[in-house]
Amino acid sequence: MDKLPEKAELSIDSDLPLDYSHPKALKFPVTRYKDARWLKMEHLLSIRNVDLIKLESTNFDCGDVNQFLHYWSDCDKDMIEQINITLKEGTEIDEQEMIKDLIVISEKDSGSLVFMKARNMENRKLVVGELEFRENGVTFSASDPSEEDCLYEYSILELLHQKRDFEENIRKMEKEFRGLRDSEKKKLQLEMEELERKLKVLNRDYVV
């Protein structure tokens, strides 16, 4: 692996020992492991600027997927365009655990696909995430809303992030000042209603 050029595409069908590790394991533009049970979370979190990773057998579970998605959301660089993860054998797919504490939208007629937006937008282009639940794993893709057909989803998610930030600011203000004056509450309420109005007008297709 050390001798492979940086732009090489790596595909390994053989089994690897569970204690195997390599700093370049997920650094190639395209990587596929038939047996990736040796991979640890630290390997997933080290991914940067790659195109495609396929992991056909892993020891990751739903909680690991959630941790990866949160890290992707907060990361200061683009990580990946697409990753396919087959979860640990016997893992029951728990969609809610995978998206816990994330802001997502899902199609009204299909719960197998959700969209999310990165919280950290600096120095990144691939900021719209698409998570597809499969029978034994997930596929996660990241897109640039200025180039891909996901500007609509991005716009809805941006409003939802603004709404959550607004709610958190209100809670913080109420805690710090032990309550708000009626005039302040009225102003904040009107601003919140305006955000909700924009969401209602914009969102025609998704469950939020």
C-alpha atoms as a PDB file:
ATOM      1  CA  MET A   1       0.000   0.000   0.000  1.00  0.00           C
ATOM      2  CA  ASP A   2       2.925   2.333   0.690  1.00  0.00           C
ATOM      3  CA  LYS A   3       4.101   2.017  -2.913  1.00  0.00           C
ATOM      4  CA  LEU A   4       0.746   2.776  -4.521  1.00  0.00           C
ATOM      5  CA  PRO A   5       0.451   6.218  -6.151  1.00  0.00           C
ATOM      6  CA  GLU A   6      -1.886   8.704  -4.467  1.00  0.00           C
ATOM      7  CA  LYS A   7      -4.384   8.567  -7.350  1.00  0.00           C
ATOM      8  CA  ALA A   8      -4.601   4.777  -7.392  1.00  0.00           C
ATOM      9  CA  GLU A   9      -7.892   2.911  -7.010  1.00  0.00           C
ATOM     10  CA  LEU A  10      -7.633   0.237  -4.334  1.00  0.00           C
ATOM     11  CA  SER A  11      -9.730  -2.944  -4.232  1.00  0.00           C
ATOM     12  CA  ILE A  12      -8.936  -5.782  -1.818  1.00  0.00           C
ATOM     13  CA  ASP A  13     -10.885  -9.053  -1.827  1.00  0.00           C
ATOM     14  CA  SER A  14      -8.769 -10.983   0.665  1.00  0.00           C
ATOM     15  CA  ASP A  15      -9.404 -11.149   4.404  1.00  0.00           C
ATOM     16  CA  LEU A  16      -7.238  -8.961   6.600  1.00  0.00           C
ATOM     17  CA  PRO A  17      -6.314  -9.615  10.247  1.00  0.00           C
ATOM     18  CA  LEU A  18      -8.428  -7.770  12.810  1.00  0.00           C
ATOM     19  CA  ASP A  19      -5.337  -6.015  14.158  1.00  0.00           C
ATOM     20  CA  TYR A  20      -4.364  -4.708  10.714  1.00  0.00           C
ATOM     21  CA  SER A  21      -4.004  -0.960  10.291  1.00  0.00           C
ATOM     22  CA  HIS A  22      -2.437   1.397   7.788  1.00  0.00           C
ATOM     23  CA  PRO A  23      -2.412   5.223   7.689  1.00  0.00           C
ATOM     24  CA  LYS A  24      -3.295   5.190   3.974  1.00  0.00           C
ATOM     25  CA  ALA A  25      -6.125   2.665   4.315  1.00  0.00           C
ATOM     26  CA  LEU A  26      -8.829   5.156   3.286  1.00  0.00           C
ATOM     27  CA  LYS A  27      -6.726   7.805   1.567  1.00  0.00           C
ATOM     28  CA  PHE A  28      -7.132   6.731  -2.062  1.00  0.00           C
ATOM     29  CA  PRO A  29      -9.729   8.325  -4.380  1.00  0.00           C
ATOM     30  CA  VAL A  30     -11.595   5.020  -4.703  1.00  0.00           C
ATOM     31  CA  THR A  31     -11.279   2.243  -2.131  1.00  0.00           C
ATOM     32  CA  ARG A  32     -13.077  -1.073  -1.711  1.00  0.00           C
ATOM     33  CA  TYR A  33     -12.578  -3.665   1.010  1.00  0.00           C
ATOM     34  CA  LYS A  34     -14.479  -6.933   0.915  1.00  0.00           C
ATOM     35  CA  ASP A  35     -13.434  -7.492   4.538  1.00  0.00           C
ATOM     36  CA  ALA A  36     -13.185  -4.248   6.520  1.00  0.00           C
ATOM     37  CA  ARG A  37     -13.863  -5.621   9.998  1.00  0.00           C
ATOM     38  CA  TRP A  38     -10.429  -4.394  11.080  1.00  0.00           C
ATOM     39  CA  LEU A  39     -11.335  -0.764  10.438  1.00  0.00           C
ATOM     40  CA  LYS A  40     -11.855   1.436  13.508  1.00  0.00           C
ATOM     41  CA  MET A  41     -13.751   4.690  13.895  1.00  0.00           C
ATOM     42  CA  GLU A  42     -10.462   6.591  13.787  1.00  0.00           C
ATOM     43  CA  HIS A  43     -10.025   5.387  10.202  1.00  0.00           C
ATOM     44  CA  LEU A  44     -13.442   6.715   9.170  1.00  0.00           C
ATOM     45  CA  LEU A  45     -12.795  10.058  10.838  1.00  0.00           C
ATOM     46  CA  SER A  46      -9.503  10.433   8.968  1.00  0.00           C
ATOM     47  CA  ILE A  47     -11.201  10.439   5.542  1.00  0.00           C
ATOM     48  CA  ARG A  48     -10.533  13.602   3.533  1.00  0.00           C
ATOM     49  CA  ASN A  49     -11.275  14.536  -0.080  1.00  0.00           C
ATOM     50  CA  VAL A  50     -11.945  11.073  -1.495  1.00  0.00           C
ATOM     51  CA  ASP A  51     -14.496   9.993  -4.080  1.00  0.00           C
ATOM     52  CA  LEU A  52     -15.798   6.563  -3.132  1.00  0.00           C
ATOM     53  CA  ILE A  53     -15.344   3.997  -0.371  1.00  0.00           C
ATOM     54  CA  LYS A  54     -17.059   0.603  -0.263  1.00  0.00           C
ATOM     55  CA  LEU A  55     -16.857  -1.439   2.933  1.00  0.00           C
ATOM     56  CA  GLU A  56     -18.581  -4.770   2.363  1.00  0.00           C
ATOM     57  CA  SER A  57     -18.088  -6.268   5.837  1.00  0.00           C
ATOM     58  CA  THR A  58     -17.436  -4.225   8.989  1.00  0.00           C
ATOM     59  CA  ASN A  59     -17.823  -4.219  12.761  1.00  0.00           C
ATOM     60  CA  PHE A  60     -19.595  -0.853  12.743  1.00  0.00           C
ATOM     61  CA  ASP A  61     -23.080  -0.458  14.198  1.00  0.00           C
ATOM     62  CA  CYS A  62     -25.809   2.199  14.086  1.00  0.00           C
ATOM     63  CA  GLY A  63     -24.166   4.257  16.823  1.00  0.00           C
ATOM     64  CA  ASP A  64     -20.952   4.360  14.816  1.00  0.00           C
ATOM     65  CA  VAL A  65     -22.846   5.676  11.795  1.00  0.00           C
ATOM     66  CA  ASN A  66     -24.307   8.435  13.978  1.00  0.00           C
ATOM     67  CA  GLN A  67     -20.846   9.369  15.265  1.00  0.00           C
ATOM     68  CA  PHE A  68     -19.493   9.488  11.707  1.00  0.00           C
ATOM     69  CA  LEU A  69     -22.355  11.711  10.519  1.00  0.00           C
ATOM     70  CA  HIS A  70     -21.882  14.168  13.383  1.00  0.00           C
ATOM     71  CA  TYR A  71     -18.170  14.325  12.618  1.00  0.00           C
ATOM     72  CA  TRP A  72     -18.899  14.876   8.916  1.00  0.00           C
ATOM     73  CA  SER A  73     -21.278  17.687   9.823  1.00  0.00           C
ATOM     74  CA  ASP A  74     -18.690  19.504  11.953  1.00  0.00           C
ATOM     75  CA  CYS A  75     -15.580  18.716   9.905  1.00  0.00           C
ATOM     76  CA  ASP A  76     -13.594  21.664   8.533  1.00  0.00           C
ATOM     77  CA  LYS A  77     -12.847  19.926   5.212  1.00  0.00           C
ATOM     78  CA  ASP A  78     -14.753  17.881   2.663  1.00  0.00           C
ATOM     79  CA  MET A  79     -14.469  14.207   3.540  1.00  0.00           C
ATOM     80  CA  ILE A  80     -16.063  12.110   0.830  1.00  0.00           C
ATOM     81  CA  GLU A  81     -18.499  12.018  -2.067  1.00  0.00           C
ATOM     82  CA  GLN A  82     -19.906   8.580  -1.267  1.00  0.00           C
ATOM     83  CA  ILE A  83     -19.351   5.794   1.242  1.00  0.00           C
ATOM     84  CA  ASN A  84     -21.144   2.435   1.416  1.00  0.00           C
ATOM     85  CA  ILE A  85     -20.990   0.715   4.801  1.00  0.00           C
ATOM     86  CA  THR A  86     -22.283  -2.779   5.451  1.00  0.00           C
ATOM     87  CA  LEU A  87     -22.870  -2.928   9.191  1.00  0.00           C
ATOM     88  CA  LYS A  88     -21.729  -5.635  11.579  1.00  0.00           C
ATOM     89  CA  GLU A  89     -23.385  -8.972  10.908  1.00  0.00           C
ATOM     90  CA  GLY A  90     -26.581  -9.291  12.918  1.00  0.00           C
ATOM     91  CA  THR A  91     -27.002  -5.541  13.433  1.00  0.00           C
ATOM     92  CA  GLU A  92     -30.620  -4.431  13.416  1.00  0.00           C
ATOM     93  CA  ILE A  93     -31.038  -1.279  11.354  1.00  0.00           C
ATOM     94  CA  ASP A  94     -32.159   1.467  13.732  1.00  0.00           C
ATOM     95  CA  GLU A  95     -32.714   4.530  11.580  1.00  0.00           C
ATOM     96  CA  GLN A  96     -33.501   6.798  14.527  1.00  0.00           C
ATOM     97  CA  GLU A  97     -30.249   5.928  16.282  1.00  0.00           C
ATOM     98  CA  MET A  98     -28.282   6.734  13.140  1.00  0.00           C
ATOM     99  CA  ILE A  99     -29.774  10.225  12.808  1.00  0.00           C
ATOM    100  CA  LYS A 100     -30.014  11.021  16.533  1.00  0.00           C
ATOM    101  CA  ASP A 101     -29.559  14.766  17.250  1.00  0.00           C
ATOM    102  CA  LEU A 102     -29.131  15.558  13.551  1.00  0.00           C
ATOM    103  CA  ILE A 103     -31.379  17.912  11.589  1.00  0.00           C
ATOM    104  CA  VAL A 104     -32.786  15.848   8.730  1.00  0.00           C
ATOM    105  CA  ILE A 105     -35.624  15.852   6.232  1.00  0.00           C
ATOM    106  CA  SER A 106     -37.158  12.771   4.658  1.00  0.00           C
ATOM    107  CA  GLU A 107     -39.383  12.211   1.661  1.00  0.00           C
ATOM    108  CA  LYS A 108     -43.071  11.931   2.524  1.00  0.00           C
ATOM    109  CA  ASP A 109     -43.524   8.743   0.528  1.00  0.00           C
ATOM    110  CA  SER A 110     -40.256   7.073   1.524  1.00  0.00           C
ATOM    111  CA  GLY A 111     -38.522   6.783   4.873  1.00  0.00           C
ATOM    112  CA  SER A 112     -35.477   5.042   3.445  1.00  0.00           C
ATOM    113  CA  LEU A 113     -33.762   8.285   2.417  1.00  0.00           C
ATOM    114  CA  VAL A 114     -32.946  11.376   4.478  1.00  0.00           C
ATOM    115  CA  PHE A 115     -31.087  14.599   3.739  1.00  0.00           C
ATOM    116  CA  MET A 116     -28.950  16.672   6.092  1.00  0.00           C
ATOM    117  CA  LYS A 117     -26.724  19.746   5.922  1.00  0.00           C
ATOM    118  CA  ALA A 118     -23.271  20.238   7.367  1.00  0.00           C
ATOM    119  CA  ARG A 119     -23.114  22.567  10.365  1.00  0.00           C
ATOM    120  CA  ASN A 120     -19.595  23.691   9.489  1.00  0.00           C
ATOM    121  CA  MET A 121     -19.763  25.331   6.057  1.00  0.00           C
ATOM    122  CA  GLU A 122     -16.301  26.903   5.926  1.00  0.00           C
ATOM    123  CA  ASN A 123     -13.825  25.669   3.308  1.00  0.00           C
ATOM    124  CA  ARG A 124     -16.303  23.061   2.090  1.00  0.00           C
ATOM    125  CA  LYS A 125     -18.372  22.434  -1.020  1.00  0.00           C
ATOM    126  CA  LEU A 126     -19.977  19.043  -0.358  1.00  0.00           C
ATOM    127  CA  VAL A 127     -22.324  20.231   2.372  1.00  0.00           C
ATOM    128  CA  VAL A 128     -25.578  18.406   1.599  1.00  0.00           C
ATOM    129  CA  GLY A 129     -25.609  14.845   2.892  1.00  0.00           C
ATOM    130  CA  GLU A 130     -27.902  12.098   1.645  1.00  0.00           C
ATOM    131  CA  LEU A 131     -28.271   8.985   3.799  1.00  0.00           C
ATOM    132  CA  GLU A 132     -29.915   5.909   2.319  1.00  0.00           C
ATOM    133  CA  PHE A 133     -30.866   3.046   4.622  1.00  0.00           C
ATOM    134  CA  ARG A 134     -30.286  -0.412   3.178  1.00  0.00           C
ATOM    135  CA  GLU A 135     -31.206  -3.852   4.450  1.00  0.00           C
ATOM    136  CA  ASN A 136     -27.810  -4.415   6.044  1.00  0.00           C
ATOM    137  CA  GLY A 137     -26.136  -1.030   5.938  1.00  0.00           C
ATOM    138  CA  VAL A 138     -26.152   2.518   4.638  1.00  0.00           C
ATOM    139  CA  THR A 139     -24.987   4.613   1.725  1.00  0.00           C
ATOM    140  CA  PHE A 140     -23.970   8.179   2.514  1.00  0.00           C
ATOM    141  CA  SER A 141     -23.366  10.731  -0.239  1.00  0.00           C
ATOM    142  CA  ALA A 142     -22.302  14.374  -0.034  1.00  0.00           C
ATOM    143  CA  SER A 143     -23.063  16.955  -2.718  1.00  0.00           C
ATOM    144  CA  ASP A 144     -22.377  20.556  -3.664  1.00  0.00           C
ATOM    145  CA  PRO A 145     -25.763  22.347  -3.765  1.00  0.00           C
ATOM    146  CA  SER A 146     -24.435  24.838  -6.313  1.00  0.00           C
ATOM    147  CA  GLU A 147     -23.670  22.065  -8.799  1.00  0.00           C
ATOM    148  CA  GLU A 148     -25.927  19.132  -7.953  1.00  0.00           C
ATOM    149  CA  ASP A 149     -29.710  18.877  -7.999  1.00  0.00           C
ATOM    150  CA  CYS A 150     -30.105  19.411  -4.256  1.00  0.00           C
ATOM    151  CA  LEU A 151     -30.500  23.173  -3.887  1.00  0.00           C
ATOM    152  CA  TYR A 152     -34.134  22.694  -2.857  1.00  0.00           C
ATOM    153  CA  GLU A 153     -33.173  20.340  -0.024  1.00  0.00           C
ATOM    154  CA  TYR A 154     -30.332  22.655   0.985  1.00  0.00           C
ATOM    155  CA  SER A 155     -32.696  25.631   1.243  1.00  0.00           C
ATOM    156  CA  ILE A 156     -35.092  23.740   3.520  1.00  0.00           C
ATOM    157  CA  LEU A 157     -32.266  22.474   5.706  1.00  0.00           C
ATOM    158  CA  GLU A 158     -30.747  25.945   5.959  1.00  0.00           C
ATOM    159  CA  LEU A 159     -34.034  27.275   7.355  1.00  0.00           C
ATOM    160  CA  LEU A 160     -34.263  24.360   9.788  1.00  0.00           C
ATOM    161  CA  HIS A 161     -30.744  25.082  11.034  1.00  0.00           C
ATOM    162  CA  GLN A 162     -31.647  28.740  11.469  1.00  0.00           C
ATOM    163  CA  LYS A 163     -34.746  27.697  13.409  1.00  0.00           C
ATOM    164  CA  ARG A 164     -32.771  25.453  15.767  1.00  0.00           C
ATOM    165  CA  ASP A 165     -30.108  28.137  16.291  1.00  0.00           C
ATOM    166  CA  PHE A 166     -32.865  30.621  17.029  1.00  0.00           C
ATOM    167  CA  GLU A 167     -34.482  28.300  19.585  1.00  0.00           C
ATOM    168  CA  GLU A 168     -31.139  27.664  21.268  1.00  0.00           C
ATOM    169  CA  ASN A 169     -30.436  31.393  21.477  1.00  0.00           C
ATOM    170  CA  ILE A 170     -33.822  31.985  23.101  1.00  0.00           C
ATOM    171  CA  ARG A 171     -33.149  29.292  25.706  1.00  0.00           C
ATOM    172  CA  LYS A 172     -29.714  30.753  26.373  1.00  0.00           C
ATOM    173  CA  MET A 173     -31.099  34.265  26.782  1.00  0.00           C
ATOM    174  CA  GLU A 174     -33.853  33.085  29.119  1.00  0.00           C
ATOM    175  CA  LYS A 175     -31.308  31.233  31.236  1.00  0.00           C
ATOM    176  CA  GLU A 176     -28.804  34.088  31.389  1.00  0.00           C
ATOM    177  CA  PHE A 177     -31.356  36.811  32.071  1.00  0.00           C
ATOM    178  CA  ARG A 178     -33.796  34.607  34.003  1.00  0.00           C
ATOM    179  CA  GLY A 179     -36.650  35.399  31.693  1.00  0.00           C
ATOM    180  CA  LEU A 180     -37.361  37.905  28.950  1.00  0.00           C
ATOM    181  CA  ARG A 181     -39.426  41.061  28.931  1.00  0.00           C
ATOM    182  CA  ASP A 182     -42.769  40.918  27.132  1.00  0.00           C
ATOM    183  CA  SER A 183     -41.501  43.174  24.344  1.00  0.00           C
ATOM    184  CA  GLU A 184     -38.485  40.920  23.770  1.00  0.00           C
ATOM    185  CA  LYS A 185     -40.646  37.805  23.781  1.00  0.00           C
ATOM    186  CA  LYS A 186     -43.002  39.367  21.241  1.00  0.00           C
ATOM    187  CA  LYS A 187     -40.130  40.304  18.937  1.00  0.00           C
ATOM    188  CA  LEU A 188     -38.586  36.832  19.138  1.00  0.00           C
ATOM    189  CA  GLN A 189     -41.965  35.197  18.621  1.00  0.00           C
ATOM    190  CA  LEU A 190     -42.542  37.215  15.447  1.00  0.00           C
ATOM    191  CA  GLU A 191     -39.112  36.266  14.112  1.00  0.00           C
ATOM    192  CA  MET A 192     -39.783  32.601  14.838  1.00  0.00           C
ATOM    193  CA  GLU A 193     -43.162  32.794  13.117  1.00  0.00           C
ATOM    194  CA  GLU A 194     -41.494  34.300  10.054  1.00  0.00           C
ATOM    195  CA  LEU A 195     -39.021  31.410   9.890  1.00  0.00           C
ATOM    196  CA  GLU A 196     -41.850  28.909  10.196  1.00  0.00           C
ATOM    197  CA  ARG A 197     -43.811  30.725   7.495  1.00  0.00           C
ATOM    198  CA  LYS A 198     -40.860  30.543   5.104  1.00  0.00           C
ATOM    199  CA  LEU A 199     -40.501  26.838   5.827  1.00  0.00           C
ATOM    200  CA  LYS A 200     -44.174  26.202   5.186  1.00  0.00           C
ATOM    201  CA  VAL A 201     -44.070  28.057   1.869  1.00  0.00           C
ATOM    202  CA  LEU A 202     -40.840  26.432   0.711  1.00  0.00           C
ATOM    203  CA  ASN A 203     -41.298  22.848   1.870  1.00  0.00           C
ATOM    204  CA  ARG A 204     -43.772  20.918  -0.268  1.00  0.00           C
ATOM    205  CA  ASP A 205     -42.279  17.442  -0.298  1.00  0.00           C
ATOM    206  CA  TYR A 206     -40.463  16.595   2.916  1.00  0.00           C
ATOM    207  CA  VAL A 207     -41.174  15.537   6.471  1.00  0.00           C
ATOM    208  CA  VAL A 208     -39.157  17.669   8.893  1.00  0.00           C
END
